[in-house]
Amino acid sequence: MKSFIYKIIIVTVFLIIFFEFTIGKRIDPITDNLDKFSSKEGRNELMDKLRQEMRDGLEKEYILEENDRILIYKFLNKIKLEINSVQKN
């Protein structure tokens, strides 16, 4: 019975170490990002970063690249056509 308990303890320690070196390393950045949303300072930092990005975008001549502008233009025209088709029926 003692050997069984020792084996269980060794296997458990091995699994914990294995988890920390494999899956745990991938989970840590995710939990760090979630912590930013849960604290008031983190939310303020994210809002300041968003405001700065918006200011930087407004200083540029074009916010979007040419391909993005064309894609959004075509998408909005398609939505406009669908809305107009509903009004006619």
PDB file of N, CA and C in Angstrom:
ATOM      1  N   MET A   1       0.825  -1.195   0.000  1.00  0.00           N
ATOM      2  CA  MET A   1       0.000   0.000   0.000  1.00  0.00           C
ATOM      3  C   MET A   1       0.864   1.252   0.000  1.00  0.00           C
ATOM      4  N   LYS A   2       1.997   1.214   0.694  1.00  0.00           N
ATOM      5  CA  LYS A   2       2.886   2.368   0.730  1.00  0.00           C
ATOM      6  C   LYS A   2       3.441   2.676  -0.650  1.00  0.00           C
ATOM      7  N   SER A   3       3.808   1.644  -1.383  1.00  0.00           N
ATOM      8  CA  SER A   3       4.382   1.872  -2.713  1.00  0.00           C
ATOM      9  C   SER A   3       3.350   2.500  -3.649  1.00  0.00           C
ATOM     10  N   PHE A   4       2.074   2.112  -3.496  1.00  0.00           N
ATOM     11  CA  PHE A   4       1.018   2.701  -4.311  1.00  0.00           C
ATOM     12  C   PHE A   4       0.904   4.199  -4.040  1.00  0.00           C
ATOM     13  N   ILE A   5       0.940   4.596  -2.803  1.00  0.00           N
ATOM     14  CA  ILE A   5       0.838   6.011  -2.431  1.00  0.00           C
ATOM     15  C   ILE A   5       2.041   6.779  -2.964  1.00  0.00           C
ATOM     16  N   TYR A   6       3.230   6.201  -2.845  1.00  0.00           N
ATOM     17  CA  TYR A   6       4.427   6.856  -3.377  1.00  0.00           C
ATOM     18  C   TYR A   6       4.329   7.035  -4.893  1.00  0.00           C
ATOM     19  N   LYS A   7       3.830   6.015  -5.568  1.00  0.00           N
ATOM     20  CA  LYS A   7       3.670   6.103  -7.023  1.00  0.00           C
ATOM     21  C   LYS A   7       2.669   7.199  -7.393  1.00  0.00           C
ATOM     22  N   ILE A   8       1.581   7.269  -6.669  1.00  0.00           N
ATOM     23  CA  ILE A   8       0.562   8.299  -6.931  1.00  0.00           C
ATOM     24  C   ILE A   8       1.163   9.686  -6.726  1.00  0.00           C
ATOM     25  N   ILE A   9       1.917   9.868  -5.665  1.00  0.00           N
ATOM     26  CA  ILE A   9       2.541  11.166  -5.393  1.00  0.00           C
ATOM     27  C   ILE A   9       3.530  11.522  -6.496  1.00  0.00           C
ATOM     28  N   ILE A  10       4.350  10.571  -6.906  1.00  0.00           N
ATOM     29  CA  ILE A  10       5.336  10.825  -7.967  1.00  0.00           C
ATOM     30  C   ILE A  10       4.646  11.156  -9.278  1.00  0.00           C
ATOM     31  N   VAL A  11       3.612  10.406  -9.636  1.00  0.00           N
ATOM     32  CA  VAL A  11       2.883  10.665 -10.877  1.00  0.00           C
ATOM     33  C   VAL A  11       2.201  12.030 -10.819  1.00  0.00           C
ATOM     34  N   THR A  12       1.626  12.373  -9.677  1.00  0.00           N
ATOM     35  CA  THR A  12       0.961  13.670  -9.531  1.00  0.00           C
ATOM     36  C   THR A  12       1.951  14.817  -9.685  1.00  0.00           C
ATOM     37  N   VAL A  13       3.105  14.713  -9.040  1.00  0.00           N
ATOM     38  CA  VAL A  13       4.130  15.748  -9.158  1.00  0.00           C
ATOM     39  C   VAL A  13       4.603  15.850 -10.610  1.00  0.00           C
ATOM     40  N   PHE A  14       4.806  14.704 -11.255  1.00  0.00           N
ATOM     41  CA  PHE A  14       5.224  14.701 -12.657  1.00  0.00           C
ATOM     42  C   PHE A  14       4.180  15.375 -13.545  1.00  0.00           C
ATOM     43  N   LEU A  15       2.897  15.078 -13.314  1.00  0.00           N
ATOM     44  CA  LEU A  15       1.841  15.690 -14.127  1.00  0.00           C
ATOM     45  C   LEU A  15       1.764  17.201 -13.905  1.00  0.00           C
ATOM     46  N   ILE A  16       1.945  17.641 -12.675  1.00  0.00           N
ATOM     47  CA  ILE A  16       1.919  19.084 -12.400  1.00  0.00           C
ATOM     48  C   ILE A  16       3.074  19.785 -13.104  1.00  0.00           C
ATOM     49  N   ILE A  17       4.265  19.199 -13.021  1.00  0.00           N
ATOM     50  CA  ILE A  17       5.427  19.783 -13.696  1.00  0.00           C
ATOM     51  C   ILE A  17       5.229  19.775 -15.206  1.00  0.00           C
ATOM     52  N   PHE A  18       4.722  18.669 -15.738  1.00  0.00           N
ATOM     53  CA  PHE A  18       4.460  18.573 -17.181  1.00  0.00           C
ATOM     54  C   PHE A  18       3.455  19.633 -17.619  1.00  0.00           C
ATOM     55  N   PHE A  19       2.391  19.800 -16.833  1.00  0.00           N
ATOM     56  CA  PHE A  19       1.369  20.799 -17.154  1.00  0.00           C
ATOM     57  C   PHE A  19       1.964  22.197 -17.177  1.00  0.00           C
ATOM     58  N   GLU A  20       2.757  22.538 -16.175  1.00  0.00           N
ATOM     59  CA  GLU A  20       3.330  23.884 -16.082  1.00  0.00           C
ATOM     60  C   GLU A  20       4.275  24.189 -17.243  1.00  0.00           C
ATOM     61  N   PHE A  21       5.022  23.207 -17.711  1.00  0.00           N
ATOM     62  CA  PHE A  21       5.973  23.453 -18.787  1.00  0.00           C
ATOM     63  C   PHE A  21       5.343  23.385 -20.175  1.00  0.00           C
ATOM     64  N   THR A  22       4.148  22.854 -20.296  1.00  0.00           N
ATOM     65  CA  THR A  22       3.507  22.769 -21.614  1.00  0.00           C
ATOM     66  C   THR A  22       2.295  23.696 -21.691  1.00  0.00           C
ATOM     67  N   ILE A  23       1.203  23.285 -21.131  1.00  0.00           N
ATOM     68  CA  ILE A  23      -0.050  24.040 -21.238  1.00  0.00           C
ATOM     69  C   ILE A  23      -0.006  25.306 -20.395  1.00  0.00           C
ATOM     70  N   GLY A  24       0.634  25.259 -19.253  1.00  0.00           N
ATOM     71  CA  GLY A  24       0.693  26.423 -18.364  1.00  0.00           C
ATOM     72  C   GLY A  24       1.351  27.623 -19.008  1.00  0.00           C
ATOM     73  N   LYS A  25       2.367  27.391 -19.832  1.00  0.00           N
ATOM     74  CA  LYS A  25       3.055  28.489 -20.519  1.00  0.00           C
ATOM     75  C   LYS A  25       2.139  29.184 -21.518  1.00  0.00           C
ATOM     76  N   ARG A  26       1.198  28.455 -22.073  1.00  0.00           N
ATOM     77  CA  ARG A  26       0.273  29.055 -23.041  1.00  0.00           C
ATOM     78  C   ARG A  26      -0.878  29.764 -22.356  1.00  0.00           C
ATOM     79  N   ILE A  27      -1.202  29.355 -21.155  1.00  0.00           N
ATOM     80  CA  ILE A  27      -2.317  29.956 -20.422  1.00  0.00           C
ATOM     81  C   ILE A  27      -1.900  31.260 -19.749  1.00  0.00           C
ATOM     82  N   ASP A  28      -0.639  31.377 -19.355  1.00  0.00           N
ATOM     83  CA  ASP A  28      -0.172  32.574 -18.641  1.00  0.00           C
ATOM     84  C   ASP A  28      -0.434  33.876 -19.392  1.00  0.00           C
ATOM     85  N   PRO A  29      -0.111  33.998 -20.701  1.00  0.00           N
ATOM     86  CA  PRO A  29      -0.417  35.266 -21.392  1.00  0.00           C
ATOM     87  C   PRO A  29      -1.913  35.573 -21.443  1.00  0.00           C
ATOM     88  N   ILE A  30      -2.723  34.544 -21.533  1.00  0.00           N
ATOM     89  CA  ILE A  30      -4.174  34.759 -21.583  1.00  0.00           C
ATOM     90  C   ILE A  30      -4.660  35.303 -20.251  1.00  0.00           C
ATOM     91  N   THR A  31      -4.188  34.735 -19.154  1.00  0.00           N
ATOM     92  CA  THR A  31      -4.614  35.226 -17.839  1.00  0.00           C
ATOM     93  C   THR A  31      -4.089  36.637 -17.584  1.00  0.00           C
ATOM     94  N   ASP A  32      -2.910  36.952 -18.106  1.00  0.00           N
ATOM     95  CA  ASP A  32      -2.390  38.320 -17.955  1.00  0.00           C
ATOM     96  C   ASP A  32      -3.300  39.316 -18.667  1.00  0.00           C
ATOM     97  N   ASN A  33      -3.757  38.964 -19.874  1.00  0.00           N
ATOM     98  CA  ASN A  33      -4.659  39.855 -20.609  1.00  0.00           C
ATOM     99  C   ASN A  33      -6.006  39.983 -19.901  1.00  0.00           C
ATOM    100  N   LEU A  34      -6.498  38.901 -19.337  1.00  0.00           N
ATOM    101  CA  LEU A  34      -7.764  38.971 -18.604  1.00  0.00           C
ATOM    102  C   LEU A  34      -7.626  39.813 -17.346  1.00  0.00           C
ATOM    103  N   ASP A  35      -6.462  39.780 -16.727  1.00  0.00           N
ATOM    104  CA  ASP A  35      -6.231  40.610 -15.543  1.00  0.00           C
ATOM    105  C   ASP A  35      -6.285  42.097 -15.888  1.00  0.00           C
ATOM    106  N   LYS A  36      -5.868  42.448 -17.095  1.00  0.00           N
ATOM    107  CA  LYS A  36      -5.936  43.856 -17.513  1.00  0.00           C
ATOM    108  C   LYS A  36      -7.383  44.333 -17.535  1.00  0.00           C
ATOM    109  N   PHE A  37      -8.299  43.486 -17.964  1.00  0.00           N
ATOM    110  CA  PHE A  37      -9.705  43.874 -18.032  1.00  0.00           C
ATOM    111  C   PHE A  37     -10.360  43.908 -16.660  1.00  0.00           C
ATOM    112  N   SER A  38      -9.853  43.129 -15.727  1.00  0.00           N
ATOM    113  CA  SER A  38     -10.508  43.046 -14.429  1.00  0.00           C
ATOM    114  C   SER A  38     -10.097  44.163 -13.472  1.00  0.00           C
ATOM    115  N   SER A  39      -8.961  44.810 -13.719  1.00  0.00           N
ATOM    116  CA  SER A  39      -8.542  45.884 -12.824  1.00  0.00           C
ATOM    117  C   SER A  39      -8.849  47.242 -13.454  1.00  0.00           C
ATOM    118  N   LYS A  40      -9.134  48.210 -12.615  1.00  0.00           N
ATOM    119  CA  LYS A  40      -9.469  49.545 -13.100  1.00  0.00           C
ATOM    120  C   LYS A  40      -8.274  50.180 -13.800  1.00  0.00           C
ATOM    121  N   GLU A  41      -7.056  49.972 -13.264  1.00  0.00           N
ATOM    122  CA  GLU A  41      -5.866  50.535 -13.889  1.00  0.00           C
ATOM    123  C   GLU A  41      -5.636  49.922 -15.265  1.00  0.00           C
ATOM    124  N   GLY A  42      -5.884  48.625 -15.375  1.00  0.00           N
ATOM    125  CA  GLY A  42      -5.719  47.960 -16.664  1.00  0.00           C
ATOM    126  C   GLY A  42      -6.697  48.477 -17.704  1.00  0.00           C
ATOM    127  N   ARG A  43      -7.947  48.676 -17.295  1.00  0.00           N
ATOM    128  CA  ARG A  43      -8.949  49.216 -18.221  1.00  0.00           C
ATOM    129  C   ARG A  43      -8.591  50.634 -18.641  1.00  0.00           C
ATOM    130  N   ASN A  44      -8.123  51.439 -17.680  1.00  0.00           N
ATOM    131  CA  ASN A  44      -7.713  52.805 -18.021  1.00  0.00           C
ATOM    132  C   ASN A  44      -6.528  52.795 -18.984  1.00  0.00           C
ATOM    133  N   GLU A  45      -5.592  51.877 -18.769  1.00  0.00           N
ATOM    134  CA  GLU A  45      -4.436  51.766 -19.660  1.00  0.00           C
ATOM    135  C   GLU A  45      -4.865  51.376 -21.074  1.00  0.00           C
ATOM    136  N   LEU A  46      -5.817  50.428 -21.173  1.00  0.00           N
ATOM    137  CA  LEU A  46      -6.315  50.025 -22.483  1.00  0.00           C
ATOM    138  C   LEU A  46      -7.062  51.169 -23.169  1.00  0.00           C
ATOM    139  N   MET A  47      -7.843  51.927 -22.403  1.00  0.00           N
ATOM    140  CA  MET A  47      -8.566  53.055 -22.985  1.00  0.00           C
ATOM    141  C   MET A  47      -7.598  54.138 -23.461  1.00  0.00           C
ATOM    142  N   ASP A  48      -6.551  54.402 -22.688  1.00  0.00           N
ATOM    143  CA  ASP A  48      -5.550  55.387 -23.112  1.00  0.00           C
ATOM    144  C   ASP A  48      -4.854  54.935 -24.388  1.00  0.00           C
ATOM    145  N   LYS A  49      -4.557  53.647 -24.474  1.00  0.00           N
ATOM    146  CA  LYS A  49      -3.909  53.112 -25.676  1.00  0.00           C
ATOM    147  C   LYS A  49      -4.845  53.235 -26.889  1.00  0.00           C
ATOM    148  N   LEU A  50      -6.128  52.960 -26.676  1.00  0.00           N
ATOM    149  CA  LEU A  50      -7.111  53.082 -27.756  1.00  0.00           C
ATOM    150  C   LEU A  50      -7.241  54.536 -28.203  1.00  0.00           C
ATOM    151  N   ARG A  51      -7.286  55.452 -27.262  1.00  0.00           N
ATOM    152  CA  ARG A  51      -7.369  56.878 -27.612  1.00  0.00           C
ATOM    153  C   ARG A  51      -6.144  57.325 -28.411  1.00  0.00           C
ATOM    154  N   GLN A  52      -4.972  56.868 -27.996  1.00  0.00           N
ATOM    155  CA  GLN A  52      -3.748  57.238 -28.708  1.00  0.00           C
ATOM    156  C   GLN A  52      -3.751  56.682 -30.128  1.00  0.00           C
ATOM    157  N   GLU A  53      -4.221  55.462 -30.297  1.00  0.00           N
ATOM    158  CA  GLU A  53      -4.298  54.873 -31.636  1.00  0.00           C
ATOM    159  C   GLU A  53      -5.288  55.651 -32.511  1.00  0.00           C
ATOM    160  N   MET A  54      -6.387  56.102 -31.909  1.00  0.00           N
ATOM    161  CA  MET A  54      -7.359  56.892 -32.674  1.00  0.00           C
ATOM    162  C   MET A  54      -6.750  58.228 -33.085  1.00  0.00           C
ATOM    163  N   ARG A  55      -6.015  58.869 -32.182  1.00  0.00           N
ATOM    164  CA  ARG A  55      -5.343  60.131 -32.532  1.00  0.00           C
ATOM    165  C   ARG A  55      -4.345  59.922 -33.657  1.00  0.00           C
ATOM    166  N   ASP A  56      -3.568  58.848 -33.557  1.00  0.00           N
ATOM    167  CA  ASP A  56      -2.588  58.549 -34.609  1.00  0.00           C
ATOM    168  C   ASP A  56      -3.273  58.302 -35.945  1.00  0.00           C
ATOM    169  N   GLY A  57      -4.423  57.634 -35.915  1.00  0.00           N
ATOM    170  CA  GLY A  57      -5.163  57.374 -37.147  1.00  0.00           C
ATOM    171  C   GLY A  57      -5.725  58.644 -37.760  1.00  0.00           C
ATOM    172  N   LEU A  58      -6.152  59.583 -36.933  1.00  0.00           N
ATOM    173  CA  LEU A  58      -6.701  60.835 -37.450  1.00  0.00           C
ATOM    174  C   LEU A  58      -5.627  61.726 -38.067  1.00  0.00           C
ATOM    175  N   GLU A  59      -4.395  61.559 -37.631  1.00  0.00           N
ATOM    176  CA  GLU A  59      -3.309  62.370 -38.189  1.00  0.00           C
ATOM    177  C   GLU A  59      -2.862  61.872 -39.562  1.00  0.00           C
ATOM    178  N   LYS A  60      -3.210  60.644 -39.890  1.00  0.00           N
ATOM    179  CA  LYS A  60      -2.837  60.109 -41.204  1.00  0.00           C
ATOM    180  C   LYS A  60      -3.762  60.662 -42.272  1.00  0.00           C
ATOM    181  N   GLU A  61      -3.286  60.671 -43.517  1.00  0.00           N
ATOM    182  CA  GLU A  61      -4.139  61.121 -44.613  1.00  0.00           C
ATOM    183  C   GLU A  61      -5.262  60.117 -44.848  1.00  0.00           C
ATOM    184  N   TYR A  62      -4.917  58.837 -44.875  1.00  0.00           N
ATOM    185  CA  TYR A  62      -5.900  57.771 -45.044  1.00  0.00           C
ATOM    186  C   TYR A  62      -5.773  56.810 -43.870  1.00  0.00           C
ATOM    187  N   ILE A  63      -6.891  56.508 -43.248  1.00  0.00           N
ATOM    188  CA  ILE A  63      -6.882  55.562 -42.137  1.00  0.00           C
ATOM    189  C   ILE A  63      -6.771  54.140 -42.670  1.00  0.00           C
ATOM    190  N   LEU A  64      -7.501  53.865 -43.733  1.00  0.00           N
ATOM    191  CA  LEU A  64      -7.528  52.527 -44.307  1.00  0.00           C
ATOM    192  C   LEU A  64      -6.619  52.441 -45.524  1.00  0.00           C
ATOM    193  N   GLU A  65      -6.179  51.235 -45.797  1.00  0.00           N
ATOM    194  CA  GLU A  65      -5.413  51.008 -47.013  1.00  0.00           C
ATOM    195  C   GLU A  65      -6.377  50.921 -48.197  1.00  0.00           C
ATOM    196  N   GLU A  66      -5.850  51.045 -49.392  1.00  0.00           N
ATOM    197  CA  GLU A  66      -6.676  51.069 -50.609  1.00  0.00           C
ATOM    198  C   GLU A  66      -7.550  49.820 -50.713  1.00  0.00           C
ATOM    199  N   ASN A  67      -6.976  48.660 -50.487  1.00  0.00           N
ATOM    200  CA  ASN A  67      -7.745  47.412 -50.603  1.00  0.00           C
ATOM    201  C   ASN A  67      -8.875  47.362 -49.581  1.00  0.00           C
ATOM    202  N   ASP A  68      -8.615  47.834 -48.381  1.00  0.00           N
ATOM    203  CA  ASP A  68      -9.641  47.837 -47.339  1.00  0.00           C
ATOM    204  C   ASP A  68     -10.764  48.804 -47.682  1.00  0.00           C
ATOM    205  N   ARG A  69     -10.407  49.962 -48.215  1.00  0.00           N
ATOM    206  CA  ARG A  69     -11.437  50.942 -48.600  1.00  0.00           C
ATOM    207  C   ARG A  69     -12.349  50.366 -49.673  1.00  0.00           C
ATOM    208  N   ILE A  70     -11.782  49.708 -50.655  1.00  0.00           N
ATOM    209  CA  ILE A  70     -12.577  49.123 -51.736  1.00  0.00           C
ATOM    210  C   ILE A  70     -13.499  48.042 -51.183  1.00  0.00           C
ATOM    211  N   LEU A  71     -12.957  47.203 -50.326  1.00  0.00           N
ATOM    212  CA  LEU A  71     -13.748  46.116 -49.751  1.00  0.00           C
ATOM    213  C   LEU A  71     -14.906  46.657 -48.926  1.00  0.00           C
ATOM    214  N   ILE A  72     -14.658  47.634 -48.084  1.00  0.00           N
ATOM    215  CA  ILE A  72     -15.720  48.214 -47.253  1.00  0.00           C
ATOM    216  C   ILE A  72     -16.751  48.926 -48.119  1.00  0.00           C
ATOM    217  N   TYR A  73     -16.306  49.618 -49.157  1.00  0.00           N
ATOM    218  CA  TYR A  73     -17.223  50.308 -50.065  1.00  0.00           C
ATOM    219  C   TYR A  73     -18.170  49.313 -50.730  1.00  0.00           C
ATOM    220  N   LYS A  74     -17.626  48.218 -51.241  1.00  0.00           N
ATOM    221  CA  LYS A  74     -18.463  47.207 -51.899  1.00  0.00           C
ATOM    222  C   LYS A  74     -19.423  46.564 -50.903  1.00  0.00           C
ATOM    223  N   PHE A  75     -18.937  46.310 -49.682  1.00  0.00           N
ATOM    224  CA  PHE A  75     -19.778  45.704 -48.661  1.00  0.00           C
ATOM    225  C   PHE A  75     -20.939  46.620 -48.290  1.00  0.00           C
ATOM    226  N   LEU A  76     -20.658  47.915 -48.092  1.00  0.00           N
ATOM    227  CA  LEU A  76     -21.726  48.863 -47.747  1.00  0.00           C
ATOM    228  C   LEU A  76     -22.723  49.022 -48.883  1.00  0.00           C
ATOM    229  N   ASN A  77     -22.265  49.010 -50.125  1.00  0.00           N
ATOM    230  CA  ASN A  77     -23.185  49.084 -51.264  1.00  0.00           C
ATOM    231  C   ASN A  77     -24.094  47.869 -51.306  1.00  0.00           C
ATOM    232  N   LYS A  78     -23.552  46.709 -51.014  1.00  0.00           N
ATOM    233  CA  LYS A  78     -24.369  45.498 -51.008  1.00  0.00           C
ATOM    234  C   LYS A  78     -25.416  45.575 -49.904  1.00  0.00           C
ATOM    235  N   ILE A  79     -25.042  46.052 -48.741  1.00  0.00           N
ATOM    236  CA  ILE A  79     -26.007  46.204 -47.646  1.00  0.00           C
ATOM    237  C   ILE A  79     -27.087  47.213 -48.033  1.00  0.00           C
ATOM    238  N   LYS A  80     -26.684  48.308 -48.686  1.00  0.00           N
ATOM    239  CA  LYS A  80     -27.649  49.328 -49.110  1.00  0.00           C
ATOM    240  C   LYS A  80     -28.650  48.737 -50.099  1.00  0.00           C
ATOM    241  N   LEU A  81     -28.179  47.915 -51.042  1.00  0.00           N
ATOM    242  CA  LEU A  81     -29.082  47.278 -52.002  1.00  0.00           C
ATOM    243  C   LEU A  81     -30.055  46.337 -51.303  1.00  0.00           C
ATOM    244  N   GLU A  82     -29.597  45.601 -50.334  1.00  0.00           N
ATOM    245  CA  GLU A  82     -30.480  44.685 -49.619  1.00  0.00           C
ATOM    246  C   GLU A  82     -31.521  45.453 -48.811  1.00  0.00           C
ATOM    247  N   ILE A  83     -31.126  46.544 -48.205  1.00  0.00           N
ATOM    248  CA  ILE A  83     -32.081  47.353 -47.438  1.00  0.00           C
ATOM    249  C   ILE A  83     -33.118  47.956 -48.373  1.00  0.00           C
ATOM    250  N   ASN A  84     -32.690  48.454 -49.526  1.00  0.00           N
ATOM    251  CA  ASN A  84     -33.632  49.026 -50.485  1.00  0.00           C
ATOM    252  C   ASN A  84     -34.575  47.975 -51.027  1.00  0.00           C
ATOM    253  N   SER A  85     -34.134  46.741 -51.184  1.00  0.00           N
ATOM    254  CA  SER A  85     -35.026  45.695 -51.693  1.00  0.00           C
ATOM    255  C   SER A  85     -36.100  45.352 -50.685  1.00  0.00           C
ATOM    256  N   VAL A  86     -35.861  45.498 -49.406  1.00  0.00           N
ATOM    257  CA  VAL A  86     -36.857  45.235 -48.378  1.00  0.00           C
ATOM    258  C   VAL A  86     -37.912  46.337 -48.375  1.00  0.00           C
ATOM    259  N   GLN A  87     -37.514  47.571 -48.597  1.00  0.00           N
ATOM    260  CA  GLN A  87     -38.440  48.692 -48.590  1.00  0.00           C
ATOM    261  C   GLN A  87     -39.416  48.597 -49.763  1.00  0.00           C
ATOM    262  N   LYS A  88     -38.987  48.038 -50.884  1.00  0.00           N
ATOM    263  CA  LYS A  88     -39.836  47.948 -52.062  1.00  0.00           C
ATOM    264  C   LYS A  88     -40.914  46.885 -51.902  1.00  0.00           C
ATOM    265  N   ASN A  89     -40.637  45.872 -51.123  1.00  0.00           N
ATOM    266  CA  ASN A  89     -41.618  44.776 -50.961  1.00  0.00           C
ATOM    267  C   ASN A  89     -42.597  45.182 -49.957  1.00  0.00           C
TER     268      ASN A  89
END
